[in-house]
Amino acid sequence: MNSKRTVYLSIVLFVVWCIACAIWYIFSVKGLSTDPATFNGTSNAIAIVEILFMTLGAFLIGFLAAYYLQEEPIKKWRIAYFTEEHEKKELKFATKALRQDKATLTNEKAYLELQHKSELAEWGQQRQQLNAELEAQRRELETQKQLEINLKNELGELRPKTEQLGAEVSHLRFKVKQLEFENQSKSELRVPKEDEISDLTQIQGIGPAISRKLYAMGIYSFKQISQFDQNMINQVGKALKYFPDRILRDDWVGQARKLTN
């Protein structure tokens, strides 16, 4: 601000000095007068031209002197001015580029927001669908659990009856087998005499209970057991429901043969 005031003051002093010198030159040196009677237009015009040439010469001399005195500051100012202009242009280009980038980012942001809203809407639909499926599965599971509870209750009610029926069926099967062996013994085996009845409990694996069952089937002696074939072993094993494999495991046939001999 102070440098600008100095420049303006110098211009004003220069103009005042030029006007003062012009007045002095016209009236003192040229001797011109403002009296209309002695007024000479040509002399006045020549004087004015001379003053203008002298003023212009003085101005040029002063300007050149000032220029050479201020050459380095002027260069610095010029470099600074052009640098500043260049920076302004770069800033303009950078500002323009930033505006373009901002517009691009704004468009991308709008697109991403729209895409995000679309994805959220799609996820919401999928979530509702999954919730509906889960609710349906939950209801189905509850229904299955209720059915399972009902079946368990029914099974608990039927188990005693089933056990009772199984016991009755087992008893009936034993009776049927007993009747089959009695019929077979009547048709195939002769009724033994008292001295032919053996103590079957001497065979390892035959206890009193099995002995009574064998007597009921018409099997009284070691000789009968020693003559068992595979078919007879299968029939007796089926009749002995709770001891089906004992004949072969304990080797009744071999023990009976030893006892017979």
C-alpha atoms as a PDB file:
ATOM      1  CA  MET A   1       0.000   0.000   0.000  1.00  0.00           C
ATOM      2  CA  ASN A   2       2.858   2.453   0.840  1.00  0.00           C
ATOM      3  CA  SER A   3       4.598   1.761  -2.500  1.00  0.00           C
ATOM      4  CA  LYS A   4       1.404   2.600  -4.406  1.00  0.00           C
ATOM      5  CA  ARG A   5       1.061   5.907  -2.552  1.00  0.00           C
ATOM      6  CA  THR A   6       4.685   6.737  -3.367  1.00  0.00           C
ATOM      7  CA  VAL A   7       4.072   6.091  -7.064  1.00  0.00           C
ATOM      8  CA  TYR A   8       0.921   8.215  -7.124  1.00  0.00           C
ATOM      9  CA  LEU A   9       2.650  11.070  -5.275  1.00  0.00           C
ATOM     10  CA  SER A  10       5.578  10.935  -7.694  1.00  0.00           C
ATOM     11  CA  ILE A  11       3.195  11.195 -10.696  1.00  0.00           C
ATOM     12  CA  VAL A  12       1.397  14.168  -9.156  1.00  0.00           C
ATOM     13  CA  LEU A  13       4.708  15.966  -8.421  1.00  0.00           C
ATOM     14  CA  PHE A  14       5.880  15.210 -11.971  1.00  0.00           C
ATOM     15  CA  VAL A  15       2.692  16.710 -13.478  1.00  0.00           C
ATOM     16  CA  VAL A  16       2.908  19.780 -11.224  1.00  0.00           C
ATOM     17  CA  TRP A  17       6.564  20.206 -12.087  1.00  0.00           C
ATOM     18  CA  CYS A  18       5.801  19.929 -15.816  1.00  0.00           C
ATOM     19  CA  ILE A  19       2.996  22.513 -15.566  1.00  0.00           C
ATOM     20  CA  ALA A  20       5.223  24.883 -13.571  1.00  0.00           C
ATOM     21  CA  CYS A  21       8.074  24.524 -16.065  1.00  0.00           C
ATOM     22  CA  ALA A  22       5.657  25.042 -18.966  1.00  0.00           C
ATOM     23  CA  ILE A  23       4.308  28.261 -17.469  1.00  0.00           C
ATOM     24  CA  TRP A  24       7.817  29.501 -16.733  1.00  0.00           C
ATOM     25  CA  TYR A  25       8.998  28.637 -20.238  1.00  0.00           C
ATOM     26  CA  ILE A  26       6.044  30.329 -21.982  1.00  0.00           C
ATOM     27  CA  PHE A  27       5.955  33.535 -20.011  1.00  0.00           C
ATOM     28  CA  SER A  28       9.557  33.971 -18.960  1.00  0.00           C
ATOM     29  CA  VAL A  29      11.620  32.442 -21.712  1.00  0.00           C
ATOM     30  CA  LYS A  30       9.326  33.039 -24.693  1.00  0.00           C
ATOM     31  CA  GLY A  31       7.911  36.236 -23.325  1.00  0.00           C
ATOM     32  CA  LEU A  32       4.413  35.448 -24.424  1.00  0.00           C
ATOM     33  CA  SER A  33       1.499  37.450 -23.004  1.00  0.00           C
ATOM     34  CA  THR A  34      -2.155  36.735 -22.320  1.00  0.00           C
ATOM     35  CA  ASP A  35      -3.108  40.159 -23.692  1.00  0.00           C
ATOM     36  CA  PRO A  36      -5.397  39.712 -26.753  1.00  0.00           C
ATOM     37  CA  ALA A  37      -3.737  42.646 -28.495  1.00  0.00           C
ATOM     38  CA  THR A  38      -0.343  41.018 -28.484  1.00  0.00           C
ATOM     39  CA  PHE A  39      -1.541  37.405 -28.752  1.00  0.00           C
ATOM     40  CA  ASN A  40       0.260  35.411 -31.461  1.00  0.00           C
ATOM     41  CA  GLY A  41      -1.248  31.983 -32.166  1.00  0.00           C
ATOM     42  CA  THR A  42       1.695  30.646 -34.108  1.00  0.00           C
ATOM     43  CA  SER A  43       4.220  31.532 -31.427  1.00  0.00           C
ATOM     44  CA  ASN A  44       1.970  30.081 -28.769  1.00  0.00           C
ATOM     45  CA  ALA A  45       1.548  26.816 -30.773  1.00  0.00           C
ATOM     46  CA  ILE A  46       5.294  26.534 -31.313  1.00  0.00           C
ATOM     47  CA  ALA A  47       5.897  27.145 -27.608  1.00  0.00           C
ATOM     48  CA  ILE A  48       3.350  24.492 -26.663  1.00  0.00           C
ATOM     49  CA  VAL A  49       4.974  21.945 -29.058  1.00  0.00           C
ATOM     50  CA  GLU A  50       8.391  22.758 -27.634  1.00  0.00           C
ATOM     51  CA  ILE A  51       7.058  22.283 -24.117  1.00  0.00           C
ATOM     52  CA  LEU A  52       5.500  18.945 -25.112  1.00  0.00           C
ATOM     53  CA  PHE A  53       8.803  17.739 -26.631  1.00  0.00           C
ATOM     54  CA  MET A  54      10.730  18.824 -23.567  1.00  0.00           C
ATOM     55  CA  THR A  55       8.163  17.174 -21.281  1.00  0.00           C
ATOM     56  CA  LEU A  56       8.210  13.983 -23.320  1.00  0.00           C
ATOM     57  CA  GLY A  57      12.020  13.985 -23.313  1.00  0.00           C
ATOM     58  CA  ALA A  58      12.108  14.535 -19.592  1.00  0.00           C
ATOM     59  CA  PHE A  59       9.553  11.760 -19.132  1.00  0.00           C
ATOM     60  CA  LEU A  60      11.541   9.322 -21.262  1.00  0.00           C
ATOM     61  CA  ILE A  61      14.791  10.197 -19.501  1.00  0.00           C
ATOM     62  CA  GLY A  62      13.153   9.753 -16.110  1.00  0.00           C
ATOM     63  CA  PHE A  63      11.473   6.531 -17.218  1.00  0.00           C
ATOM     64  CA  LEU A  64      14.729   5.039 -18.555  1.00  0.00           C
ATOM     65  CA  ALA A  65      16.584   6.089 -15.431  1.00  0.00           C
ATOM     66  CA  ALA A  66      13.900   4.563 -13.244  1.00  0.00           C
ATOM     67  CA  TYR A  67      13.800   1.415 -15.372  1.00  0.00           C
ATOM     68  CA  TYR A  68      17.551   0.848 -15.148  1.00  0.00           C
ATOM     69  CA  LEU A  69      17.523   1.607 -11.457  1.00  0.00           C
ATOM     70  CA  GLN A  70      14.604  -0.768 -10.869  1.00  0.00           C
ATOM     71  CA  GLU A  71      15.506  -3.440 -13.459  1.00  0.00           C
ATOM     72  CA  GLU A  72      16.091  -6.228 -10.925  1.00  0.00           C
ATOM     73  CA  PRO A  73      12.902  -5.498  -8.912  1.00  0.00           C
ATOM     74  CA  ILE A  74      10.977  -5.208 -12.201  1.00  0.00           C
ATOM     75  CA  LYS A  75      12.341  -8.581 -13.313  1.00  0.00           C
ATOM     76  CA  LYS A  76      11.433 -10.076  -9.992  1.00  0.00           C
ATOM     77  CA  TRP A  77       8.007  -8.485 -10.189  1.00  0.00           C
ATOM     78  CA  ARG A  78       7.582  -9.727 -13.768  1.00  0.00           C
ATOM     79  CA  ILE A  79       8.673 -13.251 -12.789  1.00  0.00           C
ATOM     80  CA  ALA A  80       6.415 -13.131  -9.782  1.00  0.00           C
ATOM     81  CA  TYR A  81       3.579 -11.760 -11.921  1.00  0.00           C
ATOM     82  CA  PHE A  82       3.907 -14.447 -14.604  1.00  0.00           C
ATOM     83  CA  THR A  83       4.438 -17.096 -11.941  1.00  0.00           C
ATOM     84  CA  GLU A  84       1.323 -15.930 -10.204  1.00  0.00           C
ATOM     85  CA  GLU A  85      -0.572 -15.926 -13.499  1.00  0.00           C
ATOM     86  CA  HIS A  86       0.712 -19.403 -14.244  1.00  0.00           C
ATOM     87  CA  GLU A  87      -0.312 -20.554 -10.781  1.00  0.00           C
ATOM     88  CA  LYS A  88      -3.708 -18.939 -11.288  1.00  0.00           C
ATOM     89  CA  LYS A  89      -4.137 -20.840 -14.549  1.00  0.00           C
ATOM     90  CA  GLU A  90      -3.033 -24.051 -12.876  1.00  0.00           C
ATOM     91  CA  LEU A  91      -5.436 -23.361 -10.048  1.00  0.00           C
ATOM     92  CA  LYS A  92      -8.208 -22.741 -12.572  1.00  0.00           C
ATOM     93  CA  PHE A  93      -7.427 -26.014 -14.329  1.00  0.00           C
ATOM     94  CA  ALA A  94      -7.153 -27.795 -10.978  1.00  0.00           C
ATOM     95  CA  THR A  95     -10.442 -26.220  -9.861  1.00  0.00           C
ATOM     96  CA  LYS A  96     -12.078 -27.297 -13.093  1.00  0.00           C
ATOM     97  CA  ALA A  97     -10.693 -30.801 -12.717  1.00  0.00           C
ATOM     98  CA  LEU A  98     -11.852 -30.908  -9.101  1.00  0.00           C
ATOM     99  CA  ARG A  99     -15.303 -29.791 -10.174  1.00  0.00           C
ATOM    100  CA  GLN A 100     -15.379 -32.508 -12.790  1.00  0.00           C
ATOM    101  CA  ASP A 101     -14.172 -35.039 -10.221  1.00  0.00           C
ATOM    102  CA  LYS A 102     -16.785 -33.768  -7.793  1.00  0.00           C
ATOM    103  CA  ALA A 103     -19.488 -34.155 -10.426  1.00  0.00           C
ATOM    104  CA  THR A 104     -18.227 -37.659 -11.223  1.00  0.00           C
ATOM    105  CA  LEU A 105     -18.130 -38.568  -7.543  1.00  0.00           C
ATOM    106  CA  THR A 106     -21.611 -37.135  -7.072  1.00  0.00           C
ATOM    107  CA  ASN A 107     -22.897 -39.262  -9.935  1.00  0.00           C
ATOM    108  CA  GLU A 108     -21.101 -42.339  -8.581  1.00  0.00           C
ATOM    109  CA  LYS A 109     -22.484 -41.624  -5.116  1.00  0.00           C
ATOM    110  CA  ALA A 110     -26.013 -41.326  -6.490  1.00  0.00           C
ATOM    111  CA  TYR A 111     -25.543 -44.570  -8.448  1.00  0.00           C
ATOM    112  CA  LEU A 112     -24.134 -46.381  -5.405  1.00  0.00           C
ATOM    113  CA  GLU A 113     -26.950 -45.091  -3.206  1.00  0.00           C
ATOM    114  CA  LEU A 114     -29.499 -46.271  -5.753  1.00  0.00           C
ATOM    115  CA  GLN A 115     -27.755 -49.657  -6.013  1.00  0.00           C
ATOM    116  CA  HIS A 116     -27.548 -49.893  -2.220  1.00  0.00           C
ATOM    117  CA  LYS A 117     -31.255 -49.118  -1.888  1.00  0.00           C
ATOM    118  CA  SER A 118     -32.028 -51.742  -4.526  1.00  0.00           C
ATOM    119  CA  GLU A 119     -29.881 -54.324  -2.720  1.00  0.00           C
ATOM    120  CA  LEU A 120     -31.495 -53.436   0.606  1.00  0.00           C
ATOM    121  CA  ALA A 121     -34.931 -53.878  -0.927  1.00  0.00           C
ATOM    122  CA  GLU A 122     -33.895 -57.241  -2.403  1.00  0.00           C
ATOM    123  CA  TRP A 123     -32.378 -58.335   0.919  1.00  0.00           C
ATOM    124  CA  GLY A 124     -35.572 -57.280   2.663  1.00  0.00           C
ATOM    125  CA  GLN A 125     -37.643 -59.443   0.319  1.00  0.00           C
ATOM    126  CA  GLN A 126     -35.279 -62.392   0.801  1.00  0.00           C
ATOM    127  CA  ARG A 127     -35.417 -61.902   4.553  1.00  0.00           C
ATOM    128  CA  GLN A 128     -39.204 -61.858   4.537  1.00  0.00           C
ATOM    129  CA  GLN A 129     -39.217 -65.007   2.393  1.00  0.00           C
ATOM    130  CA  LEU A 130     -36.755 -66.738   4.748  1.00  0.00           C
ATOM    131  CA  ASN A 131     -38.808 -65.684   7.757  1.00  0.00           C
ATOM    132  CA  ALA A 132     -41.918 -67.112   6.123  1.00  0.00           C
ATOM    133  CA  GLU A 133     -40.102 -70.378   5.347  1.00  0.00           C
ATOM    134  CA  LEU A 134     -38.726 -70.578   8.897  1.00  0.00           C
ATOM    135  CA  GLU A 135     -42.194 -69.954  10.312  1.00  0.00           C
ATOM    136  CA  ALA A 136     -43.633 -72.701   8.110  1.00  0.00           C
ATOM    137  CA  GLN A 137     -40.854 -75.093   9.164  1.00  0.00           C
ATOM    138  CA  ARG A 138     -41.400 -74.183  12.813  1.00  0.00           C
ATOM    139  CA  ARG A 139     -45.102 -74.919  12.522  1.00  0.00           C
ATOM    140  CA  GLU A 140     -44.381 -78.186  10.738  1.00  0.00           C
ATOM    141  CA  LEU A 141     -41.865 -79.109  13.452  1.00  0.00           C
ATOM    142  CA  GLU A 142     -44.400 -78.352  16.162  1.00  0.00           C
ATOM    143  CA  THR A 143     -46.945 -80.480  14.334  1.00  0.00           C
ATOM    144  CA  GLN A 144     -44.443 -83.347  14.055  1.00  0.00           C
ATOM    145  CA  LYS A 145     -43.573 -83.002  17.746  1.00  0.00           C
ATOM    146  CA  GLN A 146     -47.245 -83.147  18.646  1.00  0.00           C
ATOM    147  CA  LEU A 147     -47.685 -86.208  16.429  1.00  0.00           C
ATOM    148  CA  GLU A 148     -44.640 -87.798  18.060  1.00  0.00           C
ATOM    149  CA  ILE A 149     -46.083 -87.120  21.510  1.00  0.00           C
ATOM    150  CA  ASN A 150     -49.423 -88.613  20.462  1.00  0.00           C
ATOM    151  CA  LEU A 151     -47.680 -91.666  18.998  1.00  0.00           C
ATOM    152  CA  LYS A 152     -45.615 -92.113  22.159  1.00  0.00           C
ATOM    153  CA  ASN A 153     -48.786 -91.927  24.236  1.00  0.00           C
ATOM    154  CA  GLU A 154     -50.503 -94.435  21.991  1.00  0.00           C
ATOM    155  CA  LEU A 155     -47.396 -96.645  22.075  1.00  0.00           C
ATOM    156  CA  GLY A 156     -47.328 -96.427  25.851  1.00  0.00           C
ATOM    157  CA  GLU A 157     -50.960 -97.512  25.923  1.00  0.00           C
ATOM    158  CA  LEU A 158     -50.381-100.333  23.417  1.00  0.00           C
ATOM    159  CA  ARG A 159     -47.133-101.679  24.931  1.00  0.00           C
ATOM    160  CA  PRO A 160     -48.796-103.558  27.819  1.00  0.00           C
ATOM    161  CA  LYS A 161     -51.325-105.033  25.429  1.00  0.00           C
ATOM    162  CA  THR A 162     -48.534-105.968  23.017  1.00  0.00           C
ATOM    163  CA  GLU A 163     -46.542-107.621  25.764  1.00  0.00           C
ATOM    164  CA  GLN A 164     -49.621-109.503  26.924  1.00  0.00           C
ATOM    165  CA  LEU A 165     -50.402-110.608  23.377  1.00  0.00           C
ATOM    166  CA  GLY A 166     -46.752-111.626  22.856  1.00  0.00           C
ATOM    167  CA  ALA A 167     -46.862-113.739  25.983  1.00  0.00           C
ATOM    168  CA  GLU A 168     -50.091-115.349  24.861  1.00  0.00           C
ATOM    169  CA  VAL A 169     -48.668-115.973  21.371  1.00  0.00           C
ATOM    170  CA  SER A 170     -45.533-117.528  22.866  1.00  0.00           C
ATOM    171  CA  HIS A 171     -47.650-119.757  25.069  1.00  0.00           C
ATOM    172  CA  LEU A 172     -49.781-120.770  22.121  1.00  0.00           C
ATOM    173  CA  ARG A 173     -46.707-121.477  20.002  1.00  0.00           C
ATOM    174  CA  PHE A 174     -45.298-123.664  22.738  1.00  0.00           C
ATOM    175  CA  LYS A 175     -48.612-125.494  22.973  1.00  0.00           C
ATOM    176  CA  VAL A 176     -48.665-125.961  19.203  1.00  0.00           C
ATOM    177  CA  LYS A 177     -45.096-127.301  19.186  1.00  0.00           C
ATOM    178  CA  GLN A 178     -45.910-129.517  22.108  1.00  0.00           C
ATOM    179  CA  LEU A 179     -48.919-130.865  20.275  1.00  0.00           C
ATOM    180  CA  GLU A 180     -46.828-131.351  17.115  1.00  0.00           C
ATOM    181  CA  PHE A 181     -44.196-133.345  18.994  1.00  0.00           C
ATOM    182  CA  GLU A 182     -46.864-135.311  20.827  1.00  0.00           C
ATOM    183  CA  ASN A 183     -48.472-136.198  17.518  1.00  0.00           C
ATOM    184  CA  GLN A 184     -45.087-137.025  16.036  1.00  0.00           C
ATOM    185  CA  SER A 185     -44.139-139.100  19.023  1.00  0.00           C
ATOM    186  CA  LYS A 186     -47.412-140.917  18.812  1.00  0.00           C
ATOM    187  CA  SER A 187     -46.970-141.599  15.117  1.00  0.00           C
ATOM    188  CA  GLU A 188     -43.206-142.216  14.974  1.00  0.00           C
ATOM    189  CA  LEU A 189     -42.035-143.092  18.489  1.00  0.00           C
ATOM    190  CA  ARG A 190     -43.312-145.874  20.617  1.00  0.00           C
ATOM    191  CA  VAL A 191     -44.374-145.228  24.167  1.00  0.00           C
ATOM    192  CA  PRO A 192     -41.357-146.021  26.336  1.00  0.00           C
ATOM    193  CA  LYS A 193     -41.435-148.352  29.190  1.00  0.00           C
ATOM    194  CA  GLU A 194     -40.639-147.180  32.666  1.00  0.00           C
ATOM    195  CA  ASP A 195     -37.157-148.692  32.599  1.00  0.00           C
ATOM    196  CA  GLU A 196     -36.429-146.878  29.317  1.00  0.00           C
ATOM    197  CA  ILE A 197     -36.993-143.412  30.792  1.00  0.00           C
ATOM    198  CA  SER A 198     -33.609-141.714  31.340  1.00  0.00           C
ATOM    199  CA  ASP A 199     -32.638-138.883  33.656  1.00  0.00           C
ATOM    200  CA  LEU A 200     -32.114-136.277  30.951  1.00  0.00           C
ATOM    201  CA  THR A 201     -30.638-133.801  33.427  1.00  0.00           C
ATOM    202  CA  GLN A 202     -27.412-135.888  33.283  1.00  0.00           C
ATOM    203  CA  ILE A 203     -26.775-134.197  29.917  1.00  0.00           C
ATOM    204  CA  GLN A 204     -24.970-130.918  30.472  1.00  0.00           C
ATOM    205  CA  GLY A 205     -27.237-128.077  29.375  1.00  0.00           C
ATOM    206  CA  ILE A 206     -30.521-129.830  30.266  1.00  0.00           C
ATOM    207  CA  GLY A 207     -32.076-128.662  33.510  1.00  0.00           C
ATOM    208  CA  PRO A 208     -35.311-129.698  35.155  1.00  0.00           C
ATOM    209  CA  ALA A 209     -37.350-127.207  33.161  1.00  0.00           C
ATOM    210  CA  ILE A 210     -35.966-128.357  29.799  1.00  0.00           C
ATOM    211  CA  SER A 211     -36.290-131.975  30.923  1.00  0.00           C
ATOM    212  CA  ARG A 212     -39.988-131.514  31.586  1.00  0.00           C
ATOM    213  CA  LYS A 213     -40.423-129.883  28.164  1.00  0.00           C
ATOM    214  CA  LEU A 214     -38.647-132.805  26.488  1.00  0.00           C
ATOM    215  CA  TYR A 215     -40.825-135.304  28.394  1.00  0.00           C
ATOM    216  CA  ALA A 216     -43.871-133.366  27.208  1.00  0.00           C
ATOM    217  CA  MET A 217     -42.597-133.710  23.611  1.00  0.00           C
ATOM    218  CA  GLY A 218     -42.265-137.499  24.028  1.00  0.00           C
ATOM    219  CA  ILE A 219     -38.468-137.522  24.408  1.00  0.00           C
ATOM    220  CA  TYR A 220     -37.613-139.751  27.428  1.00  0.00           C
ATOM    221  CA  SER A 221     -34.256-141.423  26.820  1.00  0.00           C
ATOM    222  CA  PHE A 222     -30.649-140.809  25.903  1.00  0.00           C
ATOM    223  CA  LYS A 223     -31.098-143.118  22.921  1.00  0.00           C
ATOM    224  CA  GLN A 224     -33.757-140.877  21.394  1.00  0.00           C
ATOM    225  CA  ILE A 225     -31.471-137.818  21.751  1.00  0.00           C
ATOM    226  CA  SER A 226     -28.479-139.707  20.338  1.00  0.00           C
ATOM    227  CA  GLN A 227     -30.517-140.422  17.193  1.00  0.00           C
ATOM    228  CA  PHE A 228     -31.419-136.733  16.569  1.00  0.00           C
ATOM    229  CA  ASP A 229     -30.865-135.655  12.968  1.00  0.00           C
ATOM    230  CA  GLN A 230     -30.723-132.059  11.743  1.00  0.00           C
ATOM    231  CA  ASN A 231     -34.468-131.894  11.143  1.00  0.00           C
ATOM    232  CA  MET A 232     -35.208-133.179  14.652  1.00  0.00           C
ATOM    233  CA  ILE A 233     -32.670-130.761  16.156  1.00  0.00           C
ATOM    234  CA  ASN A 234     -34.386-127.849  14.367  1.00  0.00           C
ATOM    235  CA  GLN A 235     -37.848-128.932  15.543  1.00  0.00           C
ATOM    236  CA  VAL A 236     -36.766-129.396  19.160  1.00  0.00           C
ATOM    237  CA  GLY A 237     -34.818-126.106  19.051  1.00  0.00           C
ATOM    238  CA  LYS A 238     -37.917-124.249  17.820  1.00  0.00           C
ATOM    239  CA  ALA A 239     -39.991-125.886  20.555  1.00  0.00           C
ATOM    240  CA  LEU A 240     -37.465-124.748  23.160  1.00  0.00           C
ATOM    241  CA  LYS A 241     -38.121-121.056  22.434  1.00  0.00           C
ATOM    242  CA  TYR A 242     -35.748-119.614  25.023  1.00  0.00           C
ATOM    243  CA  PHE A 243     -32.972-122.172  24.399  1.00  0.00           C
ATOM    244  CA  PRO A 244     -32.932-122.636  20.582  1.00  0.00           C
ATOM    245  CA  ASP A 245     -29.154-123.110  20.143  1.00  0.00           C
ATOM    246  CA  ARG A 246     -28.420-125.159  23.255  1.00  0.00           C
ATOM    247  CA  ILE A 247     -28.661-128.555  21.501  1.00  0.00           C
ATOM    248  CA  LEU A 248     -25.723-127.842  19.208  1.00  0.00           C
ATOM    249  CA  ARG A 249     -23.792-125.663  21.651  1.00  0.00           C
ATOM    250  CA  ASP A 250     -23.865-128.257  24.466  1.00  0.00           C
ATOM    251  CA  ASP A 251     -23.605-131.222  22.068  1.00  0.00           C
ATOM    252  CA  TRP A 252     -26.618-133.111  23.418  1.00  0.00           C
ATOM    253  CA  VAL A 253     -26.294-135.779  20.716  1.00  0.00           C
ATOM    254  CA  GLY A 254     -22.665-136.597  21.602  1.00  0.00           C
ATOM    255  CA  GLN A 255     -23.344-136.649  25.340  1.00  0.00           C
ATOM    256  CA  ALA A 256     -26.396-138.877  24.819  1.00  0.00           C
ATOM    257  CA  ARG A 257     -24.375-141.349  22.765  1.00  0.00           C
ATOM    258  CA  LYS A 258     -21.712-141.568  25.489  1.00  0.00           C
ATOM    259  CA  LEU A 259     -24.389-142.065  28.155  1.00  0.00           C
ATOM    260  CA  THR A 260     -26.127-144.735  25.992  1.00  0.00           C
ATOM    261  CA  ASN A 261     -22.913-146.697  25.464  1.00  0.00           C
END
